[in-house]
């Protein structure tokens, strides 16, 4: 169970999945929930937002990922 924005809990199933973003492959925990209430029922930030700078441009409906050099 995870807490969502309104403070309620929803059942979520987590899996460590390989993801390819451009030429980079990472393993990230991704959560799936039928109760999320959006068109795609996927949750995930851990393993992505700590390795990439992510920019959401709603105007052109585009998401860009830039690898963070550490």
C-alpha atoms as a PDB file:
ATOM      1  CA  UNK A   1       0.000   0.000   0.000  1.00  0.00           C
ATOM      2  CA  UNK A   2       1.235   3.506  -0.787  1.00  0.00           C
ATOM      3  CA  UNK A   3      -0.100   6.927   0.187  1.00  0.00           C
ATOM      4  CA  UNK A   4      -1.391   9.144  -2.640  1.00  0.00           C
ATOM      5  CA  UNK A   5      -1.955  12.905  -2.795  1.00  0.00           C
ATOM      6  CA  UNK A   6      -5.237  12.953  -0.862  1.00  0.00           C
ATOM      7  CA  UNK A   7      -3.794  10.881   2.002  1.00  0.00           C
ATOM      8  CA  UNK A   8      -5.578   7.661   1.091  1.00  0.00           C
ATOM      9  CA  UNK A   9      -3.802   4.363   0.488  1.00  0.00           C
ATOM     10  CA  UNK A  10      -3.892   2.343  -2.722  1.00  0.00           C
ATOM     11  CA  UNK A  11      -2.627  -1.198  -3.343  1.00  0.00           C
ATOM     12  CA  UNK A  12       0.529  -1.152  -5.448  1.00  0.00           C
ATOM     13  CA  UNK A  13       2.671  -3.949  -6.833  1.00  0.00           C
ATOM     14  CA  UNK A  14       6.397  -3.175  -7.234  1.00  0.00           C
ATOM     15  CA  UNK A  15       8.820  -4.833  -9.634  1.00  0.00           C
ATOM     16  CA  UNK A  16      12.486  -4.054 -10.398  1.00  0.00           C
ATOM     17  CA  UNK A  17      12.457  -3.589 -14.168  1.00  0.00           C
ATOM     18  CA  UNK A  18      15.155  -2.799 -16.720  1.00  0.00           C
ATOM     19  CA  UNK A  19      14.425   0.467 -18.514  1.00  0.00           C
ATOM     20  CA  UNK A  20      16.198   1.982 -21.478  1.00  0.00           C
ATOM     21  CA  UNK A  21      16.267   5.765 -21.697  1.00  0.00           C
ATOM     22  CA  UNK A  22      18.157   6.797 -24.798  1.00  0.00           C
ATOM     23  CA  UNK A  23      21.387   4.823 -24.773  1.00  0.00           C
ATOM     24  CA  UNK A  24      21.299   4.236 -20.987  1.00  0.00           C
ATOM     25  CA  UNK A  25      19.847   1.155 -19.314  1.00  0.00           C
ATOM     26  CA  UNK A  26      18.894   1.264 -15.639  1.00  0.00           C
ATOM     27  CA  UNK A  27      17.078  -1.060 -13.258  1.00  0.00           C
ATOM     28  CA  UNK A  28      14.360   0.792 -11.353  1.00  0.00           C
ATOM     29  CA  UNK A  29      11.571  -0.191  -8.972  1.00  0.00           C
ATOM     30  CA  UNK A  30       8.291   0.461 -10.801  1.00  0.00           C
ATOM     31  CA  UNK A  31       4.909   0.269  -9.095  1.00  0.00           C
ATOM     32  CA  UNK A  32       1.682  -0.727 -10.805  1.00  0.00           C
ATOM     33  CA  UNK A  33      -1.745   0.067  -9.401  1.00  0.00           C
ATOM     34  CA  UNK A  34      -5.207  -0.248 -10.922  1.00  0.00           C
ATOM     35  CA  UNK A  35      -6.432   2.318  -8.372  1.00  0.00           C
ATOM     36  CA  UNK A  36      -4.189   5.160  -9.516  1.00  0.00           C
ATOM     37  CA  UNK A  37      -7.022   6.745 -11.479  1.00  0.00           C
ATOM     38  CA  UNK A  38      -5.136   7.793 -14.615  1.00  0.00           C
ATOM     39  CA  UNK A  39      -4.915   6.343 -18.112  1.00  0.00           C
ATOM     40  CA  UNK A  40      -1.613   4.547 -17.414  1.00  0.00           C
ATOM     41  CA  UNK A  41      -1.342   2.834 -14.078  1.00  0.00           C
ATOM     42  CA  UNK A  42       2.418   3.092 -13.514  1.00  0.00           C
ATOM     43  CA  UNK A  43       4.276   4.788 -10.662  1.00  0.00           C
ATOM     44  CA  UNK A  44       8.000   5.359 -10.563  1.00  0.00           C
ATOM     45  CA  UNK A  45      10.543   7.974  -9.574  1.00  0.00           C
ATOM     46  CA  UNK A  46      13.147   6.059  -7.580  1.00  0.00           C
ATOM     47  CA  UNK A  47      15.985   4.973  -9.814  1.00  0.00           C
ATOM     48  CA  UNK A  48      15.078   7.527 -12.497  1.00  0.00           C
ATOM     49  CA  UNK A  49      14.933  11.001 -10.919  1.00  0.00           C
ATOM     50  CA  UNK A  50      18.189  10.405  -9.019  1.00  0.00           C
ATOM     51  CA  UNK A  51      20.035   9.544 -12.265  1.00  0.00           C
ATOM     52  CA  UNK A  52      18.395  11.902 -14.790  1.00  0.00           C
ATOM     53  CA  UNK A  53      17.291  15.503 -14.981  1.00  0.00           C
ATOM     54  CA  UNK A  54      13.699  15.182 -16.189  1.00  0.00           C
ATOM     55  CA  UNK A  55      11.919  18.084 -17.889  1.00  0.00           C
ATOM     56  CA  UNK A  56       8.158  18.036 -18.511  1.00  0.00           C
ATOM     57  CA  UNK A  57       7.052  20.455 -21.241  1.00  0.00           C
ATOM     58  CA  UNK A  58       3.250  20.347 -21.213  1.00  0.00           C
ATOM     59  CA  UNK A  59       2.987  22.949 -23.977  1.00  0.00           C
ATOM     60  CA  UNK A  60       4.522  20.620 -26.563  1.00  0.00           C
ATOM     61  CA  UNK A  61       3.628  17.402 -24.680  1.00  0.00           C
ATOM     62  CA  UNK A  62       7.253  16.320 -24.428  1.00  0.00           C
ATOM     63  CA  UNK A  63       9.368  14.806 -21.644  1.00  0.00           C
ATOM     64  CA  UNK A  64      13.164  14.972 -21.901  1.00  0.00           C
ATOM     65  CA  UNK A  65      15.766  13.041 -19.899  1.00  0.00           C
ATOM     66  CA  UNK A  66      19.342  14.265 -19.430  1.00  0.00           C
ATOM     67  CA  UNK A  67      21.825  11.980 -17.637  1.00  0.00           C
ATOM     68  CA  UNK A  68      23.243  13.517 -14.439  1.00  0.00           C
ATOM     69  CA  UNK A  69      27.027  13.233 -14.276  1.00  0.00           C
ATOM     70  CA  UNK A  70      28.157  12.427 -10.750  1.00  0.00           C
END
